[in-house]
N, C-alpha and C. Protein backbone atom coordinates (compact mmCIF):
# COMPACT_ATOMS: atom_id res chain seq x y z
N MET A 1 -16.54 -47.92 -21.11
CA MET A 1 -17.74 -47.34 -21.70
C MET A 1 -17.64 -45.91 -21.98
N ALA A 2 -17.46 -45.06 -20.46
CA ALA A 2 -17.46 -43.57 -20.18
C ALA A 2 -16.49 -43.44 -21.43
N LEU A 3 -15.05 -44.19 -20.74
CA LEU A 3 -13.99 -43.63 -22.05
C LEU A 3 -14.09 -43.37 -22.93
N ILE A 4 -15.05 -44.58 -23.79
CA ILE A 4 -15.35 -44.83 -25.13
C ILE A 4 -16.09 -43.51 -25.66
N LEU A 5 -17.11 -43.16 -24.74
CA LEU A 5 -17.97 -42.32 -25.00
C LEU A 5 -17.61 -41.09 -25.22
N ARG A 6 -16.35 -40.54 -24.43
CA ARG A 6 -15.44 -39.11 -24.05
C ARG A 6 -14.93 -39.03 -25.39
N PHE A 7 -13.73 -40.70 -25.69
CA PHE A 7 -12.93 -40.63 -27.28
C PHE A 7 -13.81 -39.65 -28.14
N PHE A 8 -14.76 -40.92 -28.61
CA PHE A 8 -15.89 -40.61 -29.48
C PHE A 8 -16.63 -38.90 -29.69
N THR A 9 -17.00 -38.77 -28.42
CA THR A 9 -17.93 -36.93 -28.17
C THR A 9 -16.22 -36.14 -28.88
N CYS A 10 -14.88 -35.99 -28.07
CA CYS A 10 -13.80 -35.68 -28.21
C CYS A 10 -13.06 -35.42 -29.67
N LEU A 11 -13.61 -36.25 -29.88
CA LEU A 11 -13.18 -36.86 -31.90
C LEU A 11 -13.83 -35.92 -32.71
N VAL A 12 -15.25 -36.20 -32.28
CA VAL A 12 -16.25 -35.34 -33.26
C VAL A 12 -16.57 -34.11 -33.18
N LEU A 13 -15.89 -33.97 -32.27
CA LEU A 13 -16.23 -31.94 -31.29
C LEU A 13 -14.95 -31.32 -32.20
N THR A 14 -13.90 -32.06 -32.33
CA THR A 14 -12.79 -31.89 -33.26
C THR A 14 -12.92 -30.82 -34.08
N VAL A 15 -13.57 -31.85 -35.08
CA VAL A 15 -14.41 -31.66 -36.16
C VAL A 15 -14.47 -30.24 -36.40
N CYS A 16 -15.30 -29.82 -35.33
CA CYS A 16 -16.30 -28.76 -35.27
C CYS A 16 -15.37 -27.60 -34.69
N ILE A 17 -14.53 -27.58 -34.25
CA ILE A 17 -13.29 -26.47 -34.59
C ILE A 17 -12.89 -26.13 -35.56
N VAL A 18 -12.43 -27.35 -36.52
CA VAL A 18 -11.90 -27.48 -37.47
C VAL A 18 -12.50 -27.07 -39.26
N GLU A 19 -13.63 -27.48 -38.94
CA GLU A 19 -14.79 -27.58 -40.15
C GLU A 19 -15.50 -26.23 -39.22
N SER A 20 -16.23 -24.95 -39.80
CA SER A 20 -16.60 -24.47 -40.03
C SER A 20 -17.29 -23.88 -40.85
N VAL A 21 -18.31 -24.28 -40.85
CA VAL A 21 -20.33 -23.91 -42.06
C VAL A 21 -20.86 -23.13 -41.38
N ASP A 22 -21.60 -23.09 -42.28
CA ASP A 22 -23.00 -22.42 -42.04
C ASP A 22 -24.14 -23.35 -42.12
N ALA A 23 -23.96 -25.00 -41.80
CA ALA A 23 -24.84 -25.72 -41.35
C ALA A 23 -25.95 -25.56 -39.97
N ALA A 24 -26.87 -26.09 -40.11
CA ALA A 24 -27.15 -26.56 -38.84
C ALA A 24 -27.13 -27.70 -37.84
N ILE A 25 -26.69 -28.09 -38.32
CA ILE A 25 -25.75 -29.83 -37.74
C ILE A 25 -24.67 -29.33 -37.54
N SER A 26 -24.56 -29.22 -35.99
CA SER A 26 -23.13 -29.34 -35.42
C SER A 26 -22.23 -30.60 -35.06
N CYS A 27 -21.28 -30.36 -35.13
CA CYS A 27 -20.36 -32.03 -34.48
C CYS A 27 -21.20 -32.29 -33.30
N GLY A 28 -21.46 -31.19 -32.49
CA GLY A 28 -22.07 -31.51 -31.41
C GLY A 28 -23.24 -32.40 -31.14
N THR A 29 -23.93 -31.88 -32.07
CA THR A 29 -25.37 -32.07 -32.19
C THR A 29 -25.14 -34.18 -32.75
N VAL A 30 -24.13 -34.11 -33.41
CA VAL A 30 -23.95 -35.42 -34.19
C VAL A 30 -23.46 -36.26 -33.10
N ALA A 31 -22.49 -35.38 -32.25
CA ALA A 31 -22.00 -36.68 -31.08
C ALA A 31 -23.18 -37.07 -30.24
N ARG A 32 -24.32 -36.01 -29.71
CA ARG A 32 -25.37 -36.12 -28.69
C ARG A 32 -26.32 -37.80 -29.26
N GLN A 33 -26.10 -37.23 -30.75
CA GLN A 33 -27.06 -38.56 -31.06
C GLN A 33 -27.06 -39.74 -31.30
N LEU A 34 -25.86 -39.40 -31.64
CA LEU A 34 -25.27 -40.73 -31.73
C LEU A 34 -24.02 -41.88 -30.34
N ALA A 35 -24.41 -40.66 -28.74
CA ALA A 35 -23.79 -41.20 -28.39
C ALA A 35 -24.17 -42.60 -27.67
N PRO A 36 -25.31 -42.74 -27.80
CA PRO A 36 -25.69 -44.24 -27.29
C PRO A 36 -25.36 -45.46 -28.54
N CYS A 37 -24.60 -44.56 -29.72
CA CYS A 37 -23.74 -45.80 -30.43
C CYS A 37 -22.26 -46.03 -29.93
N ALA A 38 -21.88 -45.53 -29.11
CA ALA A 38 -20.60 -45.66 -29.07
C ALA A 38 -20.19 -46.99 -28.79
N SER A 39 -20.72 -47.62 -28.09
CA SER A 39 -20.09 -48.72 -27.32
C SER A 39 -20.34 -49.67 -28.85
N TYR A 40 -21.33 -49.63 -29.10
CA TYR A 40 -21.53 -51.00 -30.44
C TYR A 40 -20.34 -50.20 -31.77
N LEU A 41 -20.76 -49.12 -31.94
CA LEU A 41 -19.04 -48.32 -32.98
C LEU A 41 -18.01 -48.61 -32.57
N TRP A 42 -17.67 -49.02 -31.17
CA TRP A 42 -16.00 -49.33 -30.84
C TRP A 42 -15.90 -51.04 -31.06
N ARG A 43 -17.46 -51.54 -30.13
CA ARG A 43 -17.10 -53.07 -30.21
C ARG A 43 -17.57 -53.96 -31.02
N GLY A 44 -19.27 -53.40 -31.37
CA GLY A 44 -19.81 -54.45 -31.97
C GLY A 44 -20.73 -54.56 -31.06
N GLY A 45 -21.13 -56.01 -31.21
CA GLY A 45 -22.20 -56.33 -30.09
C GLY A 45 -23.86 -55.94 -30.27
N MET A 46 -24.08 -56.10 -28.99
CA MET A 46 -25.38 -55.69 -29.11
C MET A 46 -25.77 -54.16 -28.99
N MET A 47 -26.74 -54.08 -30.48
CA MET A 47 -27.26 -52.60 -30.26
C MET A 47 -28.49 -51.83 -29.32
N ILE A 48 -28.12 -50.94 -28.50
CA ILE A 48 -29.46 -50.72 -27.71
C ILE A 48 -30.61 -49.90 -28.57
N PRO A 49 -31.21 -49.89 -28.28
CA PRO A 49 -32.50 -49.20 -29.14
C PRO A 49 -32.33 -47.76 -29.18
N SER A 50 -31.81 -46.82 -28.54
CA SER A 50 -31.78 -45.40 -28.58
C SER A 50 -30.58 -44.95 -29.25
N CYS A 51 -29.63 -46.27 -29.88
CA CYS A 51 -28.58 -45.95 -30.84
C CYS A 51 -29.74 -45.44 -32.18
N CYS A 52 -30.51 -46.21 -32.71
CA CYS A 52 -31.05 -46.38 -33.78
C CYS A 52 -32.35 -45.12 -33.84
N ALA A 53 -33.05 -44.49 -32.56
CA ALA A 53 -32.96 -43.41 -32.73
C ALA A 53 -32.25 -42.15 -32.85
N GLY A 54 -31.27 -42.39 -32.15
CA GLY A 54 -30.76 -41.01 -32.31
C GLY A 54 -30.09 -40.95 -34.04
N VAL A 55 -29.85 -42.14 -34.93
CA VAL A 55 -29.78 -42.25 -36.03
C VAL A 55 -30.59 -41.86 -36.73
N LYS A 56 -32.01 -42.25 -36.58
CA LYS A 56 -33.24 -41.16 -37.18
C LYS A 56 -33.19 -40.18 -36.79
N LYS A 57 -32.91 -39.06 -36.00
CA LYS A 57 -33.54 -37.97 -35.53
C LYS A 57 -32.10 -37.25 -36.35
N LEU A 58 -30.78 -38.08 -36.34
CA LEU A 58 -29.80 -37.11 -37.13
C LEU A 58 -29.93 -37.30 -38.27
N ASN A 59 -30.70 -38.24 -39.13
CA ASN A 59 -30.87 -38.06 -40.10
C ASN A 59 -32.24 -36.97 -40.40
N ASP A 60 -33.43 -37.47 -39.53
CA ASP A 60 -34.57 -36.28 -40.16
C ASP A 60 -33.90 -34.81 -39.99
N MET A 61 -32.78 -34.38 -39.44
CA MET A 61 -32.31 -33.03 -38.94
C MET A 61 -31.48 -32.65 -40.13
N ALA A 62 -30.88 -33.18 -40.64
CA ALA A 62 -30.13 -33.14 -42.34
C ALA A 62 -31.19 -33.10 -43.69
N GLN A 63 -31.39 -31.86 -43.67
CA GLN A 63 -33.13 -31.24 -44.33
C GLN A 63 -31.68 -30.88 -45.69
N THR A 64 -30.89 -30.02 -45.28
CA THR A 64 -30.15 -29.60 -46.24
C THR A 64 -28.95 -29.90 -46.87
N THR A 65 -28.47 -29.41 -47.87
CA THR A 65 -27.00 -29.66 -48.52
C THR A 65 -25.76 -30.08 -47.40
N LEU A 66 -25.73 -28.60 -46.98
CA LEU A 66 -24.79 -28.42 -45.95
C LEU A 66 -24.85 -29.22 -44.65
N ASP A 67 -26.55 -29.14 -44.33
CA ASP A 67 -26.76 -30.22 -43.27
C ASP A 67 -26.01 -31.34 -43.29
N ARG A 68 -26.41 -32.12 -44.43
CA ARG A 68 -25.74 -33.36 -44.95
C ARG A 68 -24.05 -33.29 -45.21
N GLN A 69 -23.54 -32.56 -45.73
CA GLN A 69 -22.42 -32.44 -45.88
C GLN A 69 -21.45 -32.30 -44.13
N GLN A 70 -21.96 -31.14 -43.30
CA GLN A 70 -21.42 -31.16 -42.14
C GLN A 70 -21.57 -32.56 -41.56
N ALA A 71 -23.13 -33.00 -41.41
CA ALA A 71 -23.16 -34.18 -40.75
C ALA A 71 -22.17 -35.65 -40.76
N CYS A 72 -21.72 -35.38 -42.15
CA CYS A 72 -20.86 -36.60 -42.77
C CYS A 72 -19.62 -35.98 -42.40
N LYS A 73 -19.51 -34.77 -42.55
CA LYS A 73 -17.63 -34.51 -41.47
C LYS A 73 -17.97 -34.67 -40.51
N CYS A 74 -18.70 -34.81 -39.79
CA CYS A 74 -18.72 -35.32 -38.11
C CYS A 74 -18.30 -36.64 -38.22
N LEU A 75 -19.19 -37.47 -39.09
CA LEU A 75 -19.14 -38.88 -39.09
C LEU A 75 -18.00 -39.35 -39.63
N LYS A 76 -17.43 -38.61 -40.82
CA LYS A 76 -16.08 -39.08 -41.01
C LYS A 76 -14.81 -39.14 -40.02
N ALA A 77 -14.99 -37.74 -39.24
CA ALA A 77 -14.15 -37.55 -38.65
C ALA A 77 -13.94 -38.78 -37.42
N ALA A 78 -15.34 -39.26 -37.19
CA ALA A 78 -15.19 -39.98 -35.99
C ALA A 78 -15.09 -41.61 -36.30
N ALA A 79 -15.18 -41.74 -37.50
CA ALA A 79 -15.25 -42.92 -38.17
C ALA A 79 -13.00 -42.95 -38.13
N GLN A 80 -12.42 -42.63 -37.76
CA GLN A 80 -11.29 -42.34 -37.75
C GLN A 80 -10.97 -43.09 -36.81
N GLY A 81 -11.66 -43.22 -35.49
CA GLY A 81 -11.35 -44.54 -34.48
C GLY A 81 -12.53 -45.50 -34.28
N ILE A 82 -13.20 -45.52 -35.14
CA ILE A 82 -14.02 -46.90 -34.86
C ILE A 82 -14.36 -47.69 -35.88
N ASN A 83 -14.54 -49.14 -35.54
CA ASN A 83 -14.84 -50.39 -36.37
C ASN A 83 -15.40 -49.41 -37.72
N PRO A 84 -14.51 -49.40 -39.15
CA PRO A 84 -15.11 -49.23 -40.24
C PRO A 84 -16.06 -50.25 -40.46
N SER A 85 -16.40 -51.33 -40.74
CA SER A 85 -17.79 -51.90 -41.10
C SER A 85 -18.86 -51.99 -40.35
N ILE A 86 -18.57 -51.99 -39.41
CA ILE A 86 -19.63 -51.74 -37.79
C ILE A 86 -20.61 -50.14 -38.61
N ALA A 87 -18.93 -48.74 -38.62
CA ALA A 87 -19.77 -47.70 -38.67
C ALA A 87 -20.80 -47.71 -40.21
N SER A 88 -20.27 -48.35 -40.89
CA SER A 88 -20.77 -47.96 -42.01
C SER A 88 -21.96 -49.14 -42.37
N SER A 89 -22.00 -49.74 -41.60
CA SER A 89 -23.46 -50.88 -41.36
C SER A 89 -24.64 -49.85 -40.58
N LEU A 90 -24.01 -49.24 -39.84
CA LEU A 90 -25.40 -48.72 -39.08
C LEU A 90 -26.28 -47.81 -39.16
N PRO A 91 -26.74 -47.23 -40.97
CA PRO A 91 -27.30 -46.59 -40.67
C PRO A 91 -28.59 -47.88 -41.26
N GLY A 92 -28.12 -48.91 -42.27
CA GLY A 92 -28.69 -50.04 -42.50
C GLY A 92 -29.28 -51.21 -41.65
N LYS A 93 -28.44 -51.20 -40.34
CA LYS A 93 -28.99 -52.15 -39.24
C LYS A 93 -29.99 -51.24 -38.48
N CYS A 94 -30.10 -49.50 -38.39
CA CYS A 94 -31.57 -49.34 -38.38
C CYS A 94 -32.16 -48.76 -39.27
N GLY A 95 -32.02 -49.63 -40.56
CA GLY A 95 -33.57 -49.34 -41.40
C GLY A 95 -33.74 -47.96 -42.00
N ILE A 96 -32.36 -47.00 -42.04
CA ILE A 96 -32.60 -46.07 -42.47
C ILE A 96 -31.57 -45.75 -43.52
N SER A 97 -31.65 -44.72 -44.80
CA SER A 97 -31.00 -45.02 -46.09
C SER A 97 -30.85 -43.16 -45.67
N ILE A 98 -28.93 -43.27 -45.68
CA ILE A 98 -28.53 -42.33 -46.10
C ILE A 98 -27.55 -41.71 -47.43
N PRO A 99 -27.48 -40.43 -47.74
CA PRO A 99 -26.96 -40.93 -48.86
C PRO A 99 -25.20 -40.49 -48.88
N TYR A 100 -24.77 -41.35 -47.98
CA TYR A 100 -22.95 -41.86 -47.94
C TYR A 100 -22.88 -42.66 -47.56
N THR A 101 -21.88 -43.14 -47.57
CA THR A 101 -21.16 -44.72 -46.55
C THR A 101 -20.41 -43.46 -45.30
N ILE A 102 -20.53 -44.34 -44.24
CA ILE A 102 -19.90 -43.83 -42.80
C ILE A 102 -18.57 -44.22 -43.24
N SER A 103 -17.26 -43.38 -43.29
CA SER A 103 -16.30 -43.95 -43.99
C SER A 103 -15.04 -43.15 -43.78
N LYS A 104 -13.93 -43.14 -43.20
CA LYS A 104 -12.85 -42.10 -43.08
C LYS A 104 -12.38 -41.41 -44.78
N ASN A 105 -12.64 -42.32 -45.98
CA ASN A 105 -12.57 -42.05 -47.10
C ASN A 105 -13.44 -41.32 -48.14
N THR A 106 -14.81 -41.33 -47.10
CA THR A 106 -15.81 -40.31 -48.07
C THR A 106 -15.57 -38.97 -48.41
N ASN A 107 -15.94 -38.35 -49.65
CA ASN A 107 -15.73 -36.83 -49.87
C ASN A 107 -17.06 -35.99 -49.71
N CYS A 108 -16.97 -35.88 -48.85
CA CYS A 108 -18.65 -35.20 -48.09
C CYS A 108 -18.97 -33.77 -48.95
N ASP A 109 -17.78 -33.71 -49.39
CA ASP A 109 -18.49 -32.24 -50.30
C ASP A 109 -19.01 -32.76 -51.52
N THR A 110 -19.11 -33.58 -51.94
CA THR A 110 -20.22 -33.94 -53.06
C THR A 110 -21.29 -34.55 -53.04
N ILE A 111 -21.22 -34.25 -51.64
CA ILE A 111 -22.95 -35.32 -50.91
C ILE A 111 -24.21 -34.06 -51.19
N GLN A 112 -25.21 -34.55 -51.74
CA GLN A 112 -26.29 -33.62 -52.25
C GLN A 112 -27.15 -33.51 -51.24
């Protein structure tokens, strides 16, 4: 579990270095909010309640177009190392609607 969490965090933080924008949401914030989801995103199975709490908080934080685009870019980078079908279904499993699919193929620049 610790190895999975470190991998997930490192992957998301890498985007922070590569993508520098003026969004209020950083990839570090995304990683912190979704850290409880790491095991689920990697292997599936049981999802812990704090995972959905993090997804909800992250969604609530993404108030501007720049915030949503930056969160998408962080999630897109993280999606490279996790189960794509689990990642794309995560918001729905938590009862949350986001304006894009969590996928390595998502064009985050088109998100409003």
